[in-house]
Amino acid sequence: MWGRTEAPKRGPKAKASVAELVAAAVTLADAEGLDAVSTRRVAEAVGISPMSFYTHIPGKAELLDLMMDAVSGEILRDGPVFKPARWRANLTRVAQDYRDFYLAHPWVIPLATHRTVLGPNTFRSADIALSAIEGLGLTDLEMDRVITLVLDFVHGAVRNAAREKRVKELTGMTDEDWWYRVAPFLETLDYAPYPVLARVGKTAGETYGAHDPKGAFAFGLERVLDGLAVFIDGKAARQQRR
């Protein structure tokens, strides 16, 4: 579907292009979620009949792949050139870019699986992400494992954020609203059997309120990088002793 030019056809010029259909689908998904994206609604958004949609894109599955690859062009858009000595900052940049991408397009989260979309933007972002740890003496397999570890952490973190957003939509309450509502009940509880929970919960609540997803992400990423530092620095030390 990518990088191929269709042979010109006789007859009137098409009223819509594949790019326009994909852009319309992304706009729908961003505004209303993935369930709102149907071939009929996408066709109507660009002013063509539902049946005409299939003369451009074979079906819904192909549309989703095109949508995924289109928005993947936003990841590491500026094409950063990474320096091996700054691998920790490099991976932080990669993780933050992917996090921002998922939060901007939460409909992507359930679609992001190990079966990657085989499109140019997806390949480009993956290539740049891998370049963040190029030149560290890691094998190709180790590089793949490191990037997978970091992006799996990001995916898990943003999945939780998406669930929080969904709960807010279903209940009509923010986390702050919910905690305020249950506060009177919590004050009646006897916390003597739960001393550690009582102490930690009180400190956390006073420090960052109901929840701090951005702070939790930063803390978790730092711990992932700490673990990778043991692996990367340890391997470098072993190579120097040879």
Protein backbone atom coordinates (compact mmCIF):
# COMPACT_ATOMS: atom_id res chain seq x y z
CA MET A 1 0.00 0.00 0.00
CA TRP A 2 2.99 2.26 0.43
CA GLY A 3 5.37 3.54 -2.20
CA ARG A 4 3.32 2.33 -5.12
CA THR A 5 1.77 4.54 -7.74
CA GLU A 6 -1.45 3.34 -9.29
CA ALA A 7 -1.63 3.29 -13.04
CA PRO A 8 -3.81 6.13 -14.34
CA LYS A 9 -7.36 5.08 -15.15
CA ARG A 10 -9.66 6.35 -17.82
CA GLY A 11 -12.70 8.33 -16.84
CA PRO A 12 -13.29 11.19 -14.41
CA LYS A 13 -10.65 12.01 -11.83
CA ALA A 14 -11.17 10.42 -8.41
CA LYS A 15 -12.91 12.72 -5.94
CA ALA A 16 -10.71 11.63 -3.04
CA SER A 17 -7.21 10.29 -2.52
CA VAL A 18 -5.97 7.60 -0.15
CA ALA A 19 -4.20 10.29 1.87
CA GLU A 20 -7.46 12.24 2.27
CA LEU A 21 -9.33 9.13 3.39
CA VAL A 22 -6.63 8.28 5.92
CA ALA A 23 -6.54 11.85 7.25
CA ALA A 24 -10.33 11.82 7.66
CA ALA A 25 -10.17 8.50 9.52
CA VAL A 26 -7.46 9.80 11.87
CA THR A 27 -9.52 12.91 12.59
CA LEU A 28 -12.51 10.73 13.47
CA ALA A 29 -10.46 8.43 15.70
CA ASP A 30 -8.82 11.34 17.52
CA ALA A 31 -12.17 13.02 18.16
CA GLU A 32 -14.46 10.07 18.87
CA GLY A 33 -12.33 6.96 19.32
CA LEU A 34 -11.68 3.96 17.13
CA ASP A 35 -15.28 2.71 17.28
CA ALA A 36 -16.35 5.80 15.35
CA VAL A 37 -14.19 4.86 12.36
CA SER A 38 -16.21 3.04 9.74
CA THR A 39 -15.72 2.94 6.01
CA ARG A 40 -19.09 4.66 5.63
CA ARG A 41 -18.24 7.59 7.91
CA VAL A 42 -14.80 8.02 6.40
CA ALA A 43 -16.27 8.04 2.90
CA GLU A 44 -18.90 10.58 3.90
CA ALA A 45 -16.24 12.79 5.49
CA VAL A 46 -14.49 13.23 2.14
CA GLY A 47 -17.66 13.41 0.08
CA ILE A 48 -17.70 10.05 -1.69
CA SER A 49 -20.06 7.09 -1.54
CA PRO A 50 -19.29 4.19 0.81
CA MET A 51 -18.78 1.85 -2.14
CA SER A 52 -16.28 4.26 -3.69
CA PHE A 53 -14.14 3.87 -0.58
CA TYR A 54 -13.18 0.36 -1.68
CA THR A 55 -11.77 1.59 -4.98
CA HIS A 56 -9.07 3.30 -2.90
CA ILE A 57 -8.55 1.04 0.13
CA PRO A 58 -9.46 -2.68 0.21
CA GLY A 59 -11.09 -2.65 3.65
CA LYS A 60 -11.12 -1.64 7.31
CA ALA A 61 -8.00 -3.63 8.25
CA GLU A 62 -5.95 -1.90 5.58
CA LEU A 63 -7.35 1.47 6.63
CA LEU A 64 -6.21 0.90 10.22
CA ASP A 65 -2.71 0.03 9.03
CA LEU A 66 -2.59 3.19 6.93
CA MET A 67 -3.83 5.26 9.87
CA MET A 68 -1.23 3.78 12.20
CA ASP A 69 1.60 4.45 9.80
CA ALA A 70 0.38 7.97 9.03
CA VAL A 71 0.42 9.09 12.66
CA SER A 72 3.70 7.25 13.31
CA GLY A 73 5.32 9.99 11.27
CA GLU A 74 4.95 12.20 14.35
CA ILE A 75 7.38 10.09 16.39
CA LEU A 76 10.89 11.58 16.53
CA ARG A 77 9.79 13.81 13.68
CA ASP A 78 12.88 16.01 13.82
CA GLY A 79 15.14 13.02 13.12
CA PRO A 80 17.51 13.43 16.07
CA VAL A 81 21.12 12.32 15.67
CA PHE A 82 22.09 10.47 18.83
CA LYS A 83 25.53 10.24 20.45
CA PRO A 84 26.43 6.87 22.03
CA ALA A 85 27.88 8.48 25.16
CA ARG A 86 24.46 9.98 25.90
CA TRP A 87 22.53 6.74 25.53
CA ARG A 88 20.49 7.39 28.67
CA ALA A 89 19.31 10.79 27.44
CA ASN A 90 18.74 9.22 24.02
CA LEU A 91 16.41 6.55 25.39
CA THR A 92 14.63 9.14 27.53
CA ARG A 93 13.92 11.15 24.39
CA VAL A 94 12.66 8.05 22.58
CA ALA A 95 10.40 7.05 25.47
CA GLN A 96 8.96 10.55 25.88
CA ASP A 97 8.28 10.87 22.16
CA TYR A 98 6.42 7.56 22.07
CA ARG A 99 4.48 8.53 25.21
CA ASP A 100 3.42 11.85 23.68
CA PHE A 101 2.44 10.02 20.50
CA TYR A 102 0.22 7.51 22.33
CA LEU A 103 -1.43 10.20 24.43
CA ALA A 104 -2.13 12.30 21.33
CA HIS A 105 -3.70 9.27 19.60
CA PRO A 106 -4.99 6.92 22.34
CA TRP A 107 -6.83 4.81 19.76
CA VAL A 108 -3.41 3.54 18.67
CA ILE A 109 -2.79 1.82 22.02
CA PRO A 110 -4.96 -1.29 21.46
CA LEU A 111 -3.68 -1.57 17.89
CA ALA A 112 0.02 -1.52 18.83
CA THR A 113 1.05 -5.18 18.92
CA HIS A 114 4.11 -7.27 18.06
CA ARG A 115 2.76 -7.46 14.50
CA THR A 116 4.15 -4.14 13.40
CA VAL A 117 2.65 -2.11 10.58
CA LEU A 118 4.86 -2.49 7.52
CA GLY A 119 4.84 1.16 6.51
CA PRO A 120 7.58 3.75 5.89
CA ASN A 121 6.81 5.97 8.88
CA THR A 122 6.76 2.98 11.21
CA PHE A 123 10.09 1.77 9.83
CA ARG A 124 11.58 5.25 10.10
CA SER A 125 10.62 5.73 13.77
CA ALA A 126 11.90 2.25 14.65
CA ASP A 127 15.19 2.92 12.88
CA ILE A 128 15.72 6.20 14.76
CA ALA A 129 14.79 4.56 18.07
CA LEU A 130 17.39 1.83 17.51
CA SER A 131 20.00 4.44 16.62
CA ALA A 132 19.65 5.76 20.19
CA ILE A 133 21.79 2.82 21.35
CA GLU A 134 23.97 2.37 18.27
CA GLY A 135 27.71 2.27 18.97
CA LEU A 136 27.48 0.87 22.51
CA GLY A 137 28.93 -2.51 21.62
CA LEU A 138 25.59 -4.27 21.90
CA THR A 139 24.73 -7.08 19.53
CA ASP A 140 21.81 -6.58 17.17
CA LEU A 141 19.70 -8.91 19.30
CA GLU A 142 20.59 -6.97 22.46
CA MET A 143 19.67 -3.70 20.76
CA ASP A 144 16.29 -5.16 19.83
CA ARG A 145 15.75 -6.34 23.41
CA VAL A 146 16.67 -2.97 24.90
CA ILE A 147 14.31 -0.99 22.66
CA THR A 148 11.54 -3.54 23.21
CA LEU A 149 11.98 -3.22 26.98
CA VAL A 150 11.76 0.58 26.90
CA LEU A 151 8.78 0.70 24.54
CA ASP A 152 6.95 -2.04 26.47
CA PHE A 153 7.29 0.14 29.58
CA VAL A 154 5.93 3.14 27.67
CA HIS A 155 3.04 1.13 26.29
CA GLY A 156 2.07 -0.14 29.73
CA ALA A 157 2.22 3.34 31.23
CA VAL A 158 0.07 4.95 28.55
CA ARG A 159 -2.40 2.05 28.64
CA ASN A 160 -3.02 2.90 32.30
CA ALA A 161 -3.43 6.57 31.38
CA ALA A 162 -5.96 5.63 28.69
CA ARG A 163 -7.92 3.54 31.20
CA GLU A 164 -8.04 6.49 33.57
CA LYS A 165 -9.42 8.67 30.79
CA ARG A 166 -12.03 6.04 29.96
CA VAL A 167 -13.12 5.78 33.60
CA LYS A 168 -13.52 9.55 33.69
CA GLU A 169 -15.71 9.42 30.58
CA LEU A 170 -17.88 6.62 32.00
CA THR A 171 -18.32 8.10 35.48
CA GLY A 172 -18.22 11.80 34.69
CA MET A 173 -15.71 12.28 37.51
CA THR A 174 -12.03 13.11 37.52
CA ASP A 175 -9.74 11.27 39.94
CA GLU A 176 -9.77 14.37 42.12
CA ASP A 177 -13.60 14.39 42.12
CA TRP A 178 -13.70 10.72 43.09
CA TRP A 179 -11.25 11.09 45.96
CA TYR A 180 -13.15 14.13 47.23
CA ARG A 181 -16.38 12.13 47.13
CA VAL A 182 -15.01 9.13 49.06
CA ALA A 183 -12.96 11.22 51.52
CA PRO A 184 -15.71 11.30 54.22
CA PHE A 185 -15.92 7.50 54.13
CA LEU A 186 -12.14 7.09 54.31
CA GLU A 187 -12.04 9.30 57.39
CA THR A 188 -14.29 6.85 59.25
CA LEU A 189 -12.02 3.86 58.69
CA ASP A 190 -9.73 2.35 61.30
CA TYR A 191 -6.27 2.22 59.74
CA ALA A 192 -4.61 0.48 62.68
CA PRO A 193 -4.49 -2.86 60.78
CA TYR A 194 -2.91 -1.09 57.79
CA PRO A 195 -0.13 1.10 59.25
CA VAL A 196 2.17 1.09 56.21
CA LEU A 197 -0.67 1.84 53.79
CA ALA A 198 -1.93 4.64 56.02
CA ARG A 199 1.49 6.29 56.25
CA VAL A 200 2.44 5.94 52.59
CA GLY A 201 -1.02 6.89 51.33
CA LYS A 202 -1.08 10.03 53.48
CA THR A 203 2.36 11.12 52.28
CA ALA A 204 1.58 10.45 48.62
CA GLY A 205 -1.75 12.25 48.82
CA GLU A 206 -0.18 15.30 50.44
CA THR A 207 2.67 15.32 47.90
CA TYR A 208 0.93 14.95 44.56
CA GLY A 209 -2.79 14.65 45.22
CA ALA A 210 -5.00 11.99 43.70
CA HIS A 211 -2.56 10.77 41.10
CA ASP A 212 0.60 11.84 39.30
CA PRO A 213 0.85 9.91 36.01
CA LYS A 214 3.60 12.12 34.60
CA GLY A 215 5.70 11.75 37.74
CA ALA A 216 5.04 8.01 37.86
CA PHE A 217 6.17 7.70 34.24
CA ALA A 218 9.38 9.63 34.88
CA PHE A 219 10.16 7.57 37.99
CA GLY A 220 9.46 4.26 36.25
CA LEU A 221 11.53 5.18 33.21
CA GLU A 222 14.48 6.15 35.40
CA ARG A 223 14.34 2.74 37.10
CA VAL A 224 14.23 0.98 33.72
CA LEU A 225 17.29 2.98 32.64
CA ASP A 226 19.04 2.17 35.93
CA GLY A 227 18.63 -1.50 35.15
CA LEU A 228 19.88 -1.05 31.60
CA ALA A 229 22.89 0.88 32.92
CA VAL A 230 23.96 -2.19 34.89
CA PHE A 231 23.72 -4.29 31.72
CA ILE A 232 25.29 -1.79 29.29
CA ASP A 233 28.08 -0.59 31.57
CA GLY A 234 28.81 -4.13 32.70
CA LYS A 235 29.17 -5.33 29.14
CA ALA A 236 31.45 -2.40 28.28
CA ALA A 237 33.66 -3.19 31.28
CA ARG A 238 33.94 -6.85 30.28
CA GLN A 239 34.89 -5.90 26.73
CA GLN A 240 37.64 -3.58 28.01
CA ARG A 241 39.17 -6.38 30.10
CA ARG A 242 39.58 -8.62 27.08
